[in-house]
Amino acid sequence: MNGAGSSLSRPLNLLVDDDLILKEIQLNDTNAIFEIIDHQREYLHEWLPFIDYTKHAGNTRAYILSLYDRPYDRRDLVFSIWYRGKVVGLMGLKGTDRDNHKTEIGYWLSSDMQGKGIVTKSCYRLTKYLFENMSINRIQIRVGVGNMKSKKIPIRLGFKFEGIERCGESLPSGYTDLEVYSMLRSEFV
């Protein structure tokens, strides 16, 4: 657990509103995250390639531990989404390039929590944190072509559509194209 102690003892929490908080993922989130995945495999499977490889809670634990393999200032932040005291999904950074001040936000949410504005509000809060506290200049969100629920998030937040990344992700059903949306710090309101 190279460097795990430093982050595990002082996780970053981002308050979104009275009901919603982003908490930097911790080992004690393992079972709650795995239970969502395990009970909603069919729903999550359509757009999330890792679902097929998450067969037991040990896989989720190994994923969380893998996040701590890098030094804290070089790792991608991943947060458990907590709604009314319960873990309901994940949101995090992917492929952060600190030298060029850019990153990508990814997210997934339990099906029974859809339609409450949870991801939109959480994504706004994380975007604000990245621009104001991490010297990030560019954030992108990529969504599978046809994933209409996910596509609404960057559009609502004012991200600009850049184009299509052809065969951008390998899903169990085959390659899928991705719509790419981005926002620059100078565009954030």
Protein backbone atom coordinates (compact mmCIF):
# COMPACT_ATOMS: atom_id res chain seq x y z
CA MET A 1 0.00 0.00 0.00
CA ASN A 2 2.57 2.49 -1.14
CA GLY A 3 1.53 5.83 0.37
CA ALA A 4 -1.95 4.66 1.30
CA GLY A 5 -1.74 5.82 4.88
CA SER A 6 -1.54 9.52 4.09
CA SER A 7 -4.77 9.64 2.10
CA LEU A 8 -6.66 7.09 4.12
CA SER A 9 -6.14 9.15 7.27
CA ARG A 10 -7.21 12.49 5.79
CA PRO A 11 -9.61 12.02 2.89
CA LEU A 12 -10.89 14.96 0.89
CA ASN A 13 -14.61 15.65 1.28
CA LEU A 14 -16.52 18.06 -0.95
CA LEU A 15 -19.86 19.23 0.39
CA VAL A 16 -22.36 19.58 -2.46
CA ASP A 17 -25.51 20.40 -0.47
CA ASP A 18 -27.25 19.34 2.77
CA ASP A 19 -28.07 15.89 1.33
CA LEU A 20 -25.06 15.31 -0.89
CA ILE A 21 -21.32 14.96 -0.33
CA LEU A 22 -18.39 13.65 -2.35
CA LYS A 23 -16.02 11.71 -0.09
CA GLU A 24 -12.64 10.58 -1.31
CA ILE A 25 -13.02 6.82 -1.69
CA GLN A 26 -11.88 4.72 1.25
CA LEU A 27 -11.54 0.99 1.92
CA ASN A 28 -14.61 1.07 4.14
CA ASP A 29 -16.66 1.98 1.02
CA THR A 30 -15.85 -1.41 -0.54
CA ASN A 31 -19.00 -3.31 0.41
CA ALA A 32 -21.43 -0.48 -0.36
CA ILE A 33 -19.91 0.04 -3.82
CA PHE A 34 -19.79 -3.66 -4.60
CA GLU A 35 -23.41 -4.17 -3.50
CA ILE A 36 -24.60 -1.53 -5.99
CA ILE A 37 -22.57 -3.15 -8.76
CA ASP A 38 -23.67 -6.67 -7.86
CA HIS A 39 -27.38 -5.81 -7.62
CA GLN A 40 -27.43 -3.66 -10.77
CA ARG A 41 -25.13 -5.57 -13.12
CA GLU A 42 -27.48 -5.53 -16.08
CA TYR A 43 -28.20 -1.80 -15.77
CA LEU A 44 -24.54 -0.77 -15.25
CA HIS A 45 -23.15 -3.27 -17.76
CA GLU A 46 -24.39 -1.32 -20.79
CA TRP A 47 -21.91 1.56 -20.38
CA LEU A 48 -19.29 0.44 -17.83
CA PRO A 49 -16.65 -2.00 -19.08
CA PHE A 50 -15.37 -2.91 -15.59
CA ILE A 51 -18.65 -4.50 -14.45
CA ASP A 52 -17.76 -7.90 -15.94
CA TYR A 53 -14.47 -7.94 -14.02
CA THR A 54 -16.02 -7.00 -10.68
CA LYS A 55 -17.15 -10.42 -9.53
CA HIS A 56 -16.75 -10.06 -5.74
CA ALA A 57 -16.02 -7.40 -3.12
CA GLY A 58 -12.33 -8.29 -3.30
CA ASN A 59 -12.23 -6.85 -6.83
CA THR A 60 -13.65 -3.56 -5.56
CA ARG A 61 -11.18 -3.55 -2.69
CA ALA A 62 -8.28 -4.17 -5.09
CA TYR A 63 -9.46 -1.25 -7.25
CA ILE A 64 -9.53 1.08 -4.25
CA LEU A 65 -6.07 -0.07 -3.14
CA SER A 66 -4.75 0.47 -6.68
CA LEU A 67 -5.67 4.15 -6.40
CA TYR A 68 -3.22 4.46 -3.51
CA ASP A 69 -0.29 2.97 -5.43
CA ARG A 70 0.66 6.42 -6.69
CA PRO A 71 1.83 9.32 -4.56
CA TYR A 72 -1.09 11.45 -3.39
CA ASP A 73 -0.11 14.45 -5.51
CA ARG A 74 0.06 12.28 -8.68
CA ARG A 75 -3.04 10.11 -8.41
CA ASP A 76 -6.46 10.57 -9.89
CA LEU A 77 -9.00 11.51 -7.23
CA VAL A 78 -12.01 9.21 -6.93
CA PHE A 79 -15.01 9.97 -4.73
CA SER A 80 -17.88 7.96 -3.35
CA ILE A 81 -21.11 9.87 -3.92
CA TRP A 82 -23.02 10.00 -0.62
CA TYR A 83 -26.71 10.94 -0.73
CA ARG A 84 -28.57 11.22 2.58
CA GLY A 85 -25.88 9.19 4.35
CA LYS A 86 -25.68 6.36 1.82
CA VAL A 87 -23.19 5.55 -0.97
CA VAL A 88 -25.06 5.79 -4.29
CA GLY A 89 -22.28 5.85 -6.90
CA LEU A 90 -18.79 7.01 -7.83
CA MET A 91 -17.31 10.09 -9.46
CA GLY A 92 -13.68 10.64 -10.20
CA LEU A 93 -10.85 11.81 -12.34
CA LYS A 94 -9.27 9.82 -15.11
CA GLY A 95 -6.02 10.40 -16.97
CA THR A 96 -5.10 13.59 -15.13
CA ASP A 97 -2.21 15.38 -16.85
CA ARG A 98 -0.84 17.80 -14.26
CA ASP A 99 1.88 19.10 -16.58
CA ASN A 100 -0.77 20.29 -19.04
CA HIS A 101 -3.38 21.10 -16.35
CA LYS A 102 -6.13 18.87 -17.72
CA THR A 103 -8.24 15.94 -16.59
CA GLU A 104 -11.39 13.95 -17.31
CA ILE A 105 -14.38 13.40 -15.04
CA GLY A 106 -16.19 10.07 -15.05
CA TYR A 107 -19.20 8.97 -13.02
CA TRP A 108 -21.81 6.29 -12.44
CA LEU A 109 -24.89 6.28 -10.24
CA SER A 110 -27.25 3.67 -8.83
CA SER A 111 -30.33 3.35 -11.04
CA ASP A 112 -32.74 4.13 -8.18
CA MET A 113 -31.01 7.48 -7.58
CA GLN A 114 -31.44 8.76 -11.13
CA GLY A 115 -33.43 11.93 -11.78
CA LYS A 116 -32.58 13.73 -8.52
CA GLY A 117 -29.82 15.97 -9.91
CA ILE A 118 -27.19 14.07 -7.93
CA VAL A 119 -24.64 13.71 -10.72
CA THR A 120 -25.20 17.18 -12.15
CA LYS A 121 -24.73 18.87 -8.76
CA SER A 122 -21.77 16.64 -7.86
CA CYS A 123 -20.08 17.24 -11.21
CA TYR A 124 -20.52 20.99 -10.82
CA ARG A 125 -18.96 20.86 -7.34
CA LEU A 126 -16.02 18.76 -8.51
CA THR A 127 -15.49 21.03 -11.53
CA LYS A 128 -15.45 24.06 -9.24
CA TYR A 129 -12.93 22.38 -6.94
CA LEU A 130 -10.65 21.42 -9.83
CA PHE A 131 -10.60 24.91 -11.33
CA GLU A 132 -10.22 26.71 -8.00
CA ASN A 133 -7.93 24.36 -6.05
CA MET A 134 -5.95 22.16 -8.41
CA SER A 135 -4.77 24.52 -11.15
CA ILE A 136 -6.73 22.55 -13.75
CA ASN A 137 -7.36 24.50 -16.94
CA ARG A 138 -9.32 21.92 -18.99
CA ILE A 139 -11.85 19.28 -17.95
CA GLN A 140 -13.42 16.83 -20.31
CA ILE A 141 -16.30 14.40 -20.03
CA ARG A 142 -16.66 11.57 -22.52
CA VAL A 143 -19.97 9.73 -22.89
CA GLY A 144 -20.97 6.80 -25.03
CA VAL A 145 -22.93 7.77 -28.13
CA GLY A 146 -26.50 6.86 -27.23
CA ASN A 147 -26.06 7.27 -23.46
CA MET A 148 -28.65 10.02 -23.27
CA LYS A 149 -28.81 10.30 -19.46
CA SER A 150 -25.05 10.74 -19.16
CA LYS A 151 -24.88 13.13 -22.10
CA LYS A 152 -27.25 15.57 -20.37
CA ILE A 153 -24.75 16.20 -17.55
CA PRO A 154 -22.03 18.06 -19.50
CA ILE A 155 -24.65 19.84 -21.59
CA ARG A 156 -26.48 21.12 -18.45
CA LEU A 157 -23.17 22.32 -17.02
CA GLY A 158 -22.19 24.26 -20.14
CA PHE A 159 -19.44 21.96 -21.41
CA LYS A 160 -18.75 22.40 -25.13
CA PHE A 161 -19.22 19.50 -27.55
CA GLU A 162 -15.90 18.88 -29.31
CA GLY A 163 -16.63 15.87 -31.47
CA ILE A 164 -16.72 12.10 -31.60
CA GLU A 165 -13.87 9.86 -30.49
CA ARG A 166 -14.36 6.89 -32.79
CA CYS A 167 -14.19 3.48 -31.07
CA GLY A 168 -13.17 5.30 -27.89
CA GLU A 169 -14.13 2.58 -25.44
CA SER A 170 -14.28 -1.18 -25.49
CA LEU A 171 -17.48 -2.46 -23.93
CA PRO A 172 -18.53 -6.11 -23.62
CA SER A 173 -20.84 -5.50 -26.60
CA GLY A 174 -17.93 -4.15 -28.70
CA TYR A 175 -16.33 -0.79 -29.33
CA THR A 176 -18.43 2.31 -28.87
CA ASP A 177 -17.88 5.85 -30.07
CA LEU A 178 -17.65 8.56 -27.42
CA GLU A 179 -18.96 12.11 -27.48
CA VAL A 180 -16.32 14.46 -26.08
CA TYR A 181 -17.32 17.55 -24.08
CA SER A 182 -14.92 20.01 -22.45
CA MET A 183 -14.81 23.11 -20.32
CA LEU A 184 -11.96 25.52 -19.80
CA ARG A 185 -11.37 27.41 -16.58
CA SER A 186 -12.08 30.68 -18.42
CA GLU A 187 -15.56 29.34 -19.35
CA PHE A 188 -16.60 28.24 -15.86
CA VAL A 189 -19.39 30.26 -14.27
